C-alpha cells in the first residue's frame, strides 16, 4: 500500500470511528441518520476506455445535528465486474456546517428562506488495486437552507472548490442543490431525493462538469410494519464531462437497495 493510500485509509477509518462514536452517543445530538446503500448499474464510462463498464457501489452515509450545526459524510466503494480489468476504488466526502441562526440564538427565517450555514469539507478518492491516486479537494463556503412546499429538505451549497493534489488542476467553484421530497401513492411511501453538483472550469485540462444523482425510493419496510428502515428503488446517474474531461459523459440507471438505521 502506498503512502497516499495509507493516508486515505487512515482518514476514512477516522470518519467511520467518528460515525460510530456519534451513533453510540446519540443523546449528544439533536438527530442522527445513517444509511447503507447498494447500487448496481451498467454503462459507466472511464477515461481511455470505450467499453460500457458494469459495477457495484456500496455507500455508507451518516448525518447528525448538534446545538450549533450539523455534520455529513459518505464513503463509496466501487467494484467493477465487466468492461475493464477487475478494480476496486474508494471515494469519500466529509462536511461540517455551522448554522448562523443557532449560533446567534435567533430565528433568521424569512419567507422561503430558513437559515444560512458556514461550511467546510474534504473530498478524497483512491483506486486500491490500481495503485492510482484519486482526487484531493478542499471545499468551503456557504449553505443556504430553504422551506419549500412539498419538500422535507432543500439546501443550496455555494462553495470554493480547491484541489490540493501533488499536481493540482487548479481552483474553481461548486454549486450543489440537495433535496428530499416525500410523497404517497396508493398507501405506499415514496421519496425523491438526491443532489446535483455544478463544478466550474479550472483550466484547459479541466472542463465545467455536472454530476446529478437523483434517487426514487420506495419504503418496502412499510409493507410489513417496519417503516423508515428498508428501501428499494432506482438511482439515475448523469455526469457531463466526467472528472472534468471534455466529452466524457455518463448516463445510466442503477438498481438501489438501502437500509437506514
C-alpha atoms as a PDB file:
ATOM      1  CA  UNK A   1       0.000   0.000   0.000  1.00  0.00           C
ATOM      2  CA  UNK A   2       1.376   3.415  -0.991  1.00  0.00           C
ATOM      3  CA  UNK A   3       1.803   6.339   1.379  1.00  0.00           C
ATOM      4  CA  UNK A   4      -1.151   8.153  -0.231  1.00  0.00           C
ATOM      5  CA  UNK A   5      -3.322   5.067   0.091  1.00  0.00           C
ATOM      6  CA  UNK A   6      -2.327   4.777   3.748  1.00  0.00           C
ATOM      7  CA  UNK A   7      -3.350   8.397   4.288  1.00  0.00           C
ATOM      8  CA  UNK A   8      -6.740   7.791   2.711  1.00  0.00           C
ATOM      9  CA  UNK A   9      -7.385   4.589   4.663  1.00  0.00           C
ATOM     10  CA  UNK A  10      -6.496   6.381   7.908  1.00  0.00           C
ATOM     11  CA  UNK A  11      -8.804   9.324   7.076  1.00  0.00           C
ATOM     12  CA  UNK A  12     -11.723   7.096   6.141  1.00  0.00           C
ATOM     13  CA  UNK A  13     -11.105   4.965   9.222  1.00  0.00           C
ATOM     14  CA  UNK A  14     -11.284   8.051  11.406  1.00  0.00           C
ATOM     15  CA  UNK A  15     -14.551   9.043   9.737  1.00  0.00           C
ATOM     16  CA  UNK A  16     -16.026   5.621  10.497  1.00  0.00           C
ATOM     17  CA  UNK A  17     -14.830   5.826  14.107  1.00  0.00           C
ATOM     18  CA  UNK A  18     -16.395   9.266  14.486  1.00  0.00           C
ATOM     19  CA  UNK A  19     -19.617   7.984  12.936  1.00  0.00           C
ATOM     20  CA  UNK A  20     -19.726   5.004  15.310  1.00  0.00           C
ATOM     21  CA  UNK A  21     -18.982   7.275  18.246  1.00  0.00           C
ATOM     22  CA  UNK A  22     -21.735   9.696  17.304  1.00  0.00           C
ATOM     23  CA  UNK A  23     -24.261   6.907  16.835  1.00  0.00           C
ATOM     24  CA  UNK A  24     -23.274   5.322  20.137  1.00  0.00           C
ATOM     25  CA  UNK A  25     -23.770   8.650  21.884  1.00  0.00           C
ATOM     26  CA  UNK A  26     -26.873   9.780  20.016  1.00  0.00           C
ATOM     27  CA  UNK A  27     -28.058  11.674  23.101  1.00  0.00           C
ATOM     28  CA  UNK A  28     -25.343  14.245  22.366  1.00  0.00           C
ATOM     29  CA  UNK A  29     -27.053  15.128  19.080  1.00  0.00           C
ATOM     30  CA  UNK A  30     -30.415  16.609  18.194  1.00  0.00           C
ATOM     31  CA  UNK A  31     -30.800  13.978  15.464  1.00  0.00           C
ATOM     32  CA  UNK A  32     -28.778  11.277  13.716  1.00  0.00           C
ATOM     33  CA  UNK A  33     -29.269   9.388  10.439  1.00  0.00           C
ATOM     34  CA  UNK A  34     -27.130   6.632   8.866  1.00  0.00           C
ATOM     35  CA  UNK A  35     -27.606   4.512   5.736  1.00  0.00           C
ATOM     36  CA  UNK A  36     -26.007   1.629   3.838  1.00  0.00           C
ATOM     37  CA  UNK A  37     -26.804   1.618   0.114  1.00  0.00           C
ATOM     38  CA  UNK A  38     -26.139  -0.972  -2.590  1.00  0.00           C
ATOM     39  CA  UNK A  39     -26.242   0.144  -6.245  1.00  0.00           C
ATOM     40  CA  UNK A  40     -25.690  -1.797  -9.457  1.00  0.00           C
ATOM     41  CA  UNK A  41     -25.569  -0.466 -12.984  1.00  0.00           C
ATOM     42  CA  UNK A  42     -24.138  -0.894 -16.471  1.00  0.00           C
ATOM     43  CA  UNK A  43     -22.932   1.933 -18.692  1.00  0.00           C
ATOM     44  CA  UNK A  44     -20.276   3.632 -16.593  1.00  0.00           C
ATOM     45  CA  UNK A  45     -17.521   5.388 -18.536  1.00  0.00           C
ATOM     46  CA  UNK A  46     -13.830   5.742 -17.774  1.00  0.00           C
ATOM     47  CA  UNK A  47     -11.035   7.721 -19.470  1.00  0.00           C
ATOM     48  CA  UNK A  48      -9.298   5.956 -22.388  1.00  0.00           C
ATOM     49  CA  UNK A  49     -11.829   3.115 -22.329  1.00  0.00           C
ATOM     50  CA  UNK A  50     -14.578   2.813 -24.947  1.00  0.00           C
ATOM     51  CA  UNK A  51     -16.300  -0.076 -23.112  1.00  0.00           C
ATOM     52  CA  UNK A  52     -19.506   0.173 -21.131  1.00  0.00           C
ATOM     53  CA  UNK A  53     -18.487  -0.753 -17.576  1.00  0.00           C
ATOM     54  CA  UNK A  54     -20.636  -2.646 -15.055  1.00  0.00           C
ATOM     55  CA  UNK A  55     -20.039  -2.152 -11.364  1.00  0.00           C
ATOM     56  CA  UNK A  56     -21.451  -2.389  -7.875  1.00  0.00           C
ATOM     57  CA  UNK A  57     -21.327   0.504  -5.405  1.00  0.00           C
ATOM     58  CA  UNK A  58     -21.602   0.168  -1.635  1.00  0.00           C
ATOM     59  CA  UNK A  59     -22.205   3.519   0.077  1.00  0.00           C
ATOM     60  CA  UNK A  60     -22.149   4.328   3.787  1.00  0.00           C
ATOM     61  CA  UNK A  61     -23.617   7.709   4.764  1.00  0.00           C
ATOM     62  CA  UNK A  62     -24.000   9.428   8.105  1.00  0.00           C
ATOM     63  CA  UNK A  63     -25.520  12.763   9.111  1.00  0.00           C
ATOM     64  CA  UNK A  64     -26.135  14.316  12.517  1.00  0.00           C
ATOM     65  CA  UNK A  65     -27.207  17.600  14.019  1.00  0.00           C
ATOM     66  CA  UNK A  66     -25.966  19.295  17.179  1.00  0.00           C
ATOM     67  CA  UNK A  67     -26.630  22.512  19.062  1.00  0.00           C
ATOM     68  CA  UNK A  68     -24.725  24.760  16.605  1.00  0.00           C
ATOM     69  CA  UNK A  69     -24.889  22.916  13.304  1.00  0.00           C
ATOM     70  CA  UNK A  70     -24.676  19.566  11.551  1.00  0.00           C
ATOM     71  CA  UNK A  71     -22.216  17.098  10.011  1.00  0.00           C
ATOM     72  CA  UNK A  72     -22.364  14.826   6.995  1.00  0.00           C
ATOM     73  CA  UNK A  73     -20.116  12.253   5.347  1.00  0.00           C
ATOM     74  CA  UNK A  74     -20.279   9.360   2.931  1.00  0.00           C
ATOM     75  CA  UNK A  75     -17.899   6.717   1.652  1.00  0.00           C
ATOM     76  CA  UNK A  76     -18.340   4.874  -1.656  1.00  0.00           C
ATOM     77  CA  UNK A  77     -16.683   1.559  -2.519  1.00  0.00           C
ATOM     78  CA  UNK A  78     -16.794   0.818  -6.268  1.00  0.00           C
ATOM     79  CA  UNK A  79     -16.284  -2.750  -7.550  1.00  0.00           C
ATOM     80  CA  UNK A  80     -16.148  -3.175 -11.340  1.00  0.00           C
ATOM     81  CA  UNK A  81     -17.010  -6.576 -12.806  1.00  0.00           C
ATOM     82  CA  UNK A  82     -17.168  -6.029 -16.587  1.00  0.00           C
ATOM     83  CA  UNK A  83     -15.787  -3.662 -19.203  1.00  0.00           C
ATOM     84  CA  UNK A  84     -12.369  -3.246 -17.585  1.00  0.00           C
ATOM     85  CA  UNK A  85      -9.869  -5.235 -15.531  1.00  0.00           C
ATOM     86  CA  UNK A  86     -11.197  -6.021 -12.026  1.00  0.00           C
ATOM     87  CA  UNK A  87     -10.805  -2.907  -9.931  1.00  0.00           C
ATOM     88  CA  UNK A  88     -11.859  -1.607  -6.531  1.00  0.00           C
ATOM     89  CA  UNK A  89     -11.943   2.097  -5.722  1.00  0.00           C
ATOM     90  CA  UNK A  90     -12.962   4.124  -2.680  1.00  0.00           C
ATOM     91  CA  UNK A  91     -14.159   7.711  -2.521  1.00  0.00           C
ATOM     92  CA  UNK A  92     -15.339   9.771   0.439  1.00  0.00           C
ATOM     93  CA  UNK A  93     -16.602  13.239   1.316  1.00  0.00           C
ATOM     94  CA  UNK A  94     -16.996  14.862   4.747  1.00  0.00           C
ATOM     95  CA  UNK A  95     -18.562  18.237   5.608  1.00  0.00           C
ATOM     96  CA  UNK A  96     -19.272  20.228   8.741  1.00  0.00           C
ATOM     97  CA  UNK A  97     -21.884  23.022   8.878  1.00  0.00           C
ATOM     98  CA  UNK A  98     -22.137  25.875  11.388  1.00  0.00           C
ATOM     99  CA  UNK A  99     -25.663  27.323  11.414  1.00  0.00           C
ATOM    100  CA  UNK A 100     -25.863  31.092  11.893  1.00  0.00           C
ATOM    101  CA  UNK A 101     -29.339  31.055  13.442  1.00  0.00           C
ATOM    102  CA  UNK A 102     -28.208  28.544  16.073  1.00  0.00           C
ATOM    103  CA  UNK A 103     -25.010  30.468  16.804  1.00  0.00           C
ATOM    104  CA  UNK A 104     -26.938  33.717  17.297  1.00  0.00           C
ATOM    105  CA  UNK A 105     -29.875  32.043  19.039  1.00  0.00           C
ATOM    106  CA  UNK A 106     -32.276  33.747  16.624  1.00  0.00           C
ATOM    107  CA  UNK A 107     -34.843  32.710  14.041  1.00  0.00           C
ATOM    108  CA  UNK A 108     -33.476  34.020  10.721  1.00  0.00           C
ATOM    109  CA  UNK A 109     -36.254  32.587   8.543  1.00  0.00           C
ATOM    110  CA  UNK A 110     -37.960  34.902   6.088  1.00  0.00           C
ATOM    111  CA  UNK A 111     -40.465  33.641   3.525  1.00  0.00           C
ATOM    112  CA  UNK A 112     -38.986  30.544   1.864  1.00  0.00           C
ATOM    113  CA  UNK A 113     -35.561  31.271   3.386  1.00  0.00           C
ATOM    114  CA  UNK A 114     -34.836  29.225   6.533  1.00  0.00           C
ATOM    115  CA  UNK A 115     -31.187  29.701   7.603  1.00  0.00           C
ATOM    116  CA  UNK A 116     -27.579  30.041   6.429  1.00  0.00           C
ATOM    117  CA  UNK A 117     -24.502  27.955   7.292  1.00  0.00           C
ATOM    118  CA  UNK A 118     -20.753  28.277   7.031  1.00  0.00           C
ATOM    119  CA  UNK A 119     -19.453  25.000   5.595  1.00  0.00           C
ATOM    120  CA  UNK A 120     -16.089  23.309   5.090  1.00  0.00           C
ATOM    121  CA  UNK A 121     -15.332  19.852   3.724  1.00  0.00           C
ATOM    122  CA  UNK A 122     -12.885  17.487   2.069  1.00  0.00           C
ATOM    123  CA  UNK A 123     -13.172  15.028  -0.849  1.00  0.00           C
ATOM    124  CA  UNK A 124     -10.705  12.174  -1.387  1.00  0.00           C
ATOM    125  CA  UNK A 125     -10.520   9.069  -3.560  1.00  0.00           C
ATOM    126  CA  UNK A 126      -8.202   6.163  -4.342  1.00  0.00           C
ATOM    127  CA  UNK A 127      -8.013   3.197  -6.721  1.00  0.00           C
ATOM    128  CA  UNK A 128      -6.829   0.479  -4.354  1.00  0.00           C
ATOM    129  CA  UNK A 129      -5.608  -2.303  -6.643  1.00  0.00           C
ATOM    130  CA  UNK A 130      -4.718   0.036  -9.489  1.00  0.00           C
ATOM    131  CA  UNK A 131      -2.093   1.965  -7.493  1.00  0.00           C
ATOM    132  CA  UNK A 132      -3.673   5.183  -8.728  1.00  0.00           C
ATOM    133  CA  UNK A 133      -4.290   8.320  -6.716  1.00  0.00           C
ATOM    134  CA  UNK A 134      -7.701   9.967  -6.912  1.00  0.00           C
ATOM    135  CA  UNK A 135      -8.948  13.438  -6.122  1.00  0.00           C
ATOM    136  CA  UNK A 136      -7.890  15.555  -3.151  1.00  0.00           C
ATOM    137  CA  UNK A 137     -10.218  18.534  -2.793  1.00  0.00           C
ATOM    138  CA  UNK A 138     -10.927  21.098  -0.070  1.00  0.00           C
ATOM    139  CA  UNK A 139     -14.255  22.941  -0.206  1.00  0.00           C
ATOM    140  CA  UNK A 140     -15.539  25.884   1.810  1.00  0.00           C
ATOM    141  CA  UNK A 141     -18.303  28.459   1.545  1.00  0.00           C
ATOM    142  CA  UNK A 142     -21.971  28.857   2.437  1.00  0.00           C
ATOM    143  CA  UNK A 143     -25.007  26.584   2.577  1.00  0.00           C
ATOM    144  CA  UNK A 144     -28.470  28.138   2.271  1.00  0.00           C
ATOM    145  CA  UNK A 145     -31.486  26.329   3.751  1.00  0.00           C
ATOM    146  CA  UNK A 146     -34.971  26.832   2.293  1.00  0.00           C
ATOM    147  CA  UNK A 147     -38.552  25.916   3.234  1.00  0.00           C
ATOM    148  CA  UNK A 148     -40.306  24.911   0.012  1.00  0.00           C
ATOM    149  CA  UNK A 149     -43.828  23.461  -0.278  1.00  0.00           C
ATOM    150  CA  UNK A 150     -43.723  19.661  -0.532  1.00  0.00           C
ATOM    151  CA  UNK A 151     -40.006  19.460   0.321  1.00  0.00           C
ATOM    152  CA  UNK A 152     -38.729  17.872   3.508  1.00  0.00           C
ATOM    153  CA  UNK A 153     -35.354  19.459   2.716  1.00  0.00           C
ATOM    154  CA  UNK A 154     -33.900  21.827   0.134  1.00  0.00           C
ATOM    155  CA  UNK A 155     -30.403  23.255   0.572  1.00  0.00           C
ATOM    156  CA  UNK A 156     -28.056  25.053  -1.796  1.00  0.00           C
ATOM    157  CA  UNK A 157     -24.298  24.875  -1.162  1.00  0.00           C
ATOM    158  CA  UNK A 158     -22.150  27.613  -2.751  1.00  0.00           C
ATOM    159  CA  UNK A 159     -18.535  26.523  -2.410  1.00  0.00           C
ATOM    160  CA  UNK A 160     -14.970  27.306  -3.371  1.00  0.00           C
ATOM    161  CA  UNK A 161     -13.506  24.139  -4.949  1.00  0.00           C
ATOM    162  CA  UNK A 162      -9.747  23.912  -4.296  1.00  0.00           C
ATOM    163  CA  UNK A 163      -7.593  20.933  -5.283  1.00  0.00           C
ATOM    164  CA  UNK A 164      -4.511  20.142  -3.239  1.00  0.00           C
ATOM    165  CA  UNK A 165      -3.170  17.142  -5.115  1.00  0.00           C
ATOM    166  CA  UNK A 166       0.515  16.728  -5.935  1.00  0.00           C
ATOM    167  CA  UNK A 167      -0.213  18.069  -9.444  1.00  0.00           C
ATOM    168  CA  UNK A 168      -3.275  20.296  -8.975  1.00  0.00           C
ATOM    169  CA  UNK A 169      -5.668  21.137 -11.786  1.00  0.00           C
ATOM    170  CA  UNK A 170      -6.419  24.485 -10.194  1.00  0.00           C
ATOM    171  CA  UNK A 171      -9.288  26.031  -8.243  1.00  0.00           C
ATOM    172  CA  UNK A 172     -12.881  26.781  -9.158  1.00  0.00           C
ATOM    173  CA  UNK A 173     -16.388  26.961  -7.693  1.00  0.00           C
ATOM    174  CA  UNK A 174     -19.166  24.453  -6.972  1.00  0.00           C
ATOM    175  CA  UNK A 175     -22.953  24.882  -6.651  1.00  0.00           C
ATOM    176  CA  UNK A 176     -24.813  21.920  -5.118  1.00  0.00           C
ATOM    177  CA  UNK A 177     -28.591  21.805  -4.583  1.00  0.00           C
ATOM    178  CA  UNK A 178     -29.738  18.946  -2.289  1.00  0.00           C
ATOM    179  CA  UNK A 179     -33.382  17.899  -1.927  1.00  0.00           C
ATOM    180  CA  UNK A 180     -35.796  15.423  -0.312  1.00  0.00           C
ATOM    181  CA  UNK A 181     -39.430  15.213  -1.485  1.00  0.00           C
ATOM    182  CA  UNK A 182     -41.583  12.573   0.295  1.00  0.00           C
ATOM    183  CA  UNK A 183     -44.928  11.521  -1.207  1.00  0.00           C
ATOM    184  CA  UNK A 184     -47.513   8.724  -1.065  1.00  0.00           C
ATOM    185  CA  UNK A 185     -49.022   6.631  -3.859  1.00  0.00           C
ATOM    186  CA  UNK A 186     -51.963   4.312  -3.126  1.00  0.00           C
ATOM    187  CA  UNK A 187     -50.969   3.963   0.521  1.00  0.00           C
ATOM    188  CA  UNK A 188     -47.261   3.330  -0.228  1.00  0.00           C
ATOM    189  CA  UNK A 189     -44.479   5.671   0.929  1.00  0.00           C
ATOM    190  CA  UNK A 190     -42.031   7.123  -1.592  1.00  0.00           C
ATOM    191  CA  UNK A 191     -39.241   9.679  -1.647  1.00  0.00           C
ATOM    192  CA  UNK A 192     -37.487  11.561  -4.442  1.00  0.00           C
ATOM    193  CA  UNK A 193     -34.119  12.789  -3.200  1.00  0.00           C
ATOM    194  CA  UNK A 194     -30.593  13.495  -4.319  1.00  0.00           C
ATOM    195  CA  UNK A 195     -28.203  16.232  -5.370  1.00  0.00           C
ATOM    196  CA  UNK A 196     -26.591  17.890  -8.396  1.00  0.00           C
ATOM    197  CA  UNK A 197     -23.009  19.207  -8.432  1.00  0.00           C
ATOM    198  CA  UNK A 198     -22.208  22.041 -10.833  1.00  0.00           C
ATOM    199  CA  UNK A 199     -18.400  22.447 -10.900  1.00  0.00           C
ATOM    200  CA  UNK A 200     -16.697  25.238 -12.834  1.00  0.00           C
ATOM    201  CA  UNK A 201     -13.870  25.009 -15.342  1.00  0.00           C
ATOM    202  CA  UNK A 202     -10.389  25.169 -13.796  1.00  0.00           C
ATOM    203  CA  UNK A 203      -8.021  25.298 -16.723  1.00  0.00           C
ATOM    204  CA  UNK A 204      -7.625  23.936 -20.255  1.00  0.00           C
ATOM    205  CA  UNK A 205      -7.397  20.402 -18.842  1.00  0.00           C
ATOM    206  CA  UNK A 206     -10.466  20.533 -16.589  1.00  0.00           C
ATOM    207  CA  UNK A 207     -13.857  21.370 -18.137  1.00  0.00           C
ATOM    208  CA  UNK A 208     -17.084  22.535 -16.495  1.00  0.00           C
ATOM    209  CA  UNK A 209     -18.933  19.416 -15.328  1.00  0.00           C
ATOM    210  CA  UNK A 210     -22.285  18.372 -13.889  1.00  0.00           C
ATOM    211  CA  UNK A 211     -22.938  15.322 -11.699  1.00  0.00           C
ATOM    212  CA  UNK A 212     -26.572  14.506 -10.846  1.00  0.00           C
ATOM    213  CA  UNK A 213     -27.702  11.516  -8.741  1.00  0.00           C
ATOM    214  CA  UNK A 214     -31.472  11.638  -8.062  1.00  0.00           C
ATOM    215  CA  UNK A 215     -32.976   8.608  -6.299  1.00  0.00           C
ATOM    216  CA  UNK A 216     -36.541   7.311  -6.312  1.00  0.00           C
ATOM    217  CA  UNK A 217     -37.078   5.280  -3.124  1.00  0.00           C
ATOM    218  CA  UNK A 218     -39.976   3.028  -2.081  1.00  0.00           C
ATOM    219  CA  UNK A 219     -40.287   2.257   1.634  1.00  0.00           C
ATOM    220  CA  UNK A 220     -40.628  -1.521   1.305  1.00  0.00           C
ATOM    221  CA  UNK A 221     -40.251  -1.978   5.070  1.00  0.00           C
ATOM    222  CA  UNK A 222     -43.616  -0.251   5.492  1.00  0.00           C
ATOM    223  CA  UNK A 223     -45.232  -3.237   3.748  1.00  0.00           C
ATOM    224  CA  UNK A 224     -44.506  -5.410   6.833  1.00  0.00           C
ATOM    225  CA  UNK A 225     -44.689  -2.781   9.569  1.00  0.00           C
ATOM    226  CA  UNK A 226     -41.018  -1.638   9.558  1.00  0.00           C
ATOM    227  CA  UNK A 227     -41.405   1.820   8.042  1.00  0.00           C
ATOM    228  CA  UNK A 228     -38.334   4.022   7.670  1.00  0.00           C
ATOM    229  CA  UNK A 229     -35.680   1.304   7.523  1.00  0.00           C
ATOM    230  CA  UNK A 230     -35.729  -0.679   4.237  1.00  0.00           C
ATOM    231  CA  UNK A 231     -35.982   0.834   0.749  1.00  0.00           C
ATOM    232  CA  UNK A 232     -35.766  -0.263  -2.887  1.00  0.00           C
ATOM    233  CA  UNK A 233     -35.730   1.861  -5.985  1.00  0.00           C
ATOM    234  CA  UNK A 234     -33.641   3.446  -8.714  1.00  0.00           C
ATOM    235  CA  UNK A 235     -30.858   5.994  -8.918  1.00  0.00           C
ATOM    236  CA  UNK A 236     -30.216   7.788 -12.186  1.00  0.00           C
ATOM    237  CA  UNK A 237     -26.634   8.966 -12.666  1.00  0.00           C
ATOM    238  CA  UNK A 238     -25.835  11.721 -15.152  1.00  0.00           C
ATOM    239  CA  UNK A 239     -22.276  13.025 -15.426  1.00  0.00           C
ATOM    240  CA  UNK A 240     -21.425  15.635 -18.073  1.00  0.00           C
ATOM    241  CA  UNK A 241     -17.670  15.964 -18.691  1.00  0.00           C
ATOM    242  CA  UNK A 242     -16.882  13.323 -16.041  1.00  0.00           C
ATOM    243  CA  UNK A 243     -13.791  14.161 -13.955  1.00  0.00           C
ATOM    244  CA  UNK A 244     -13.649  17.445 -15.876  1.00  0.00           C
ATOM    245  CA  UNK A 245     -12.726  15.608 -19.098  1.00  0.00           C
ATOM    246  CA  UNK A 246     -14.344  17.285 -22.102  1.00  0.00           C
ATOM    247  CA  UNK A 247     -16.711  14.898 -23.906  1.00  0.00           C
ATOM    248  CA  UNK A 248     -16.622  12.078 -21.310  1.00  0.00           C
ATOM    249  CA  UNK A 249     -20.327  11.762 -20.494  1.00  0.00           C
ATOM    250  CA  UNK A 250     -22.212   9.181 -18.423  1.00  0.00           C
ATOM    251  CA  UNK A 251     -25.954   8.479 -18.284  1.00  0.00           C
ATOM    252  CA  UNK A 252     -27.421   5.329 -16.717  1.00  0.00           C
ATOM    253  CA  UNK A 253     -29.970   3.943 -14.245  1.00  0.00           C
ATOM    254  CA  UNK A 254     -28.829   1.969 -11.200  1.00  0.00           C
ATOM    255  CA  UNK A 255     -30.812  -0.509  -9.116  1.00  0.00           C
ATOM    256  CA  UNK A 256     -30.953   0.566  -5.456  1.00  0.00           C
ATOM    257  CA  UNK A 257     -31.320  -1.285  -2.151  1.00  0.00           C
ATOM    258  CA  UNK A 258     -30.999   0.671   1.097  1.00  0.00           C
ATOM    259  CA  UNK A 259     -31.001   0.065   4.838  1.00  0.00           C
ATOM    260  CA  UNK A 260     -31.471   3.079   7.114  1.00  0.00           C
ATOM    261  CA  UNK A 261     -30.606   2.771  10.811  1.00  0.00           C
END
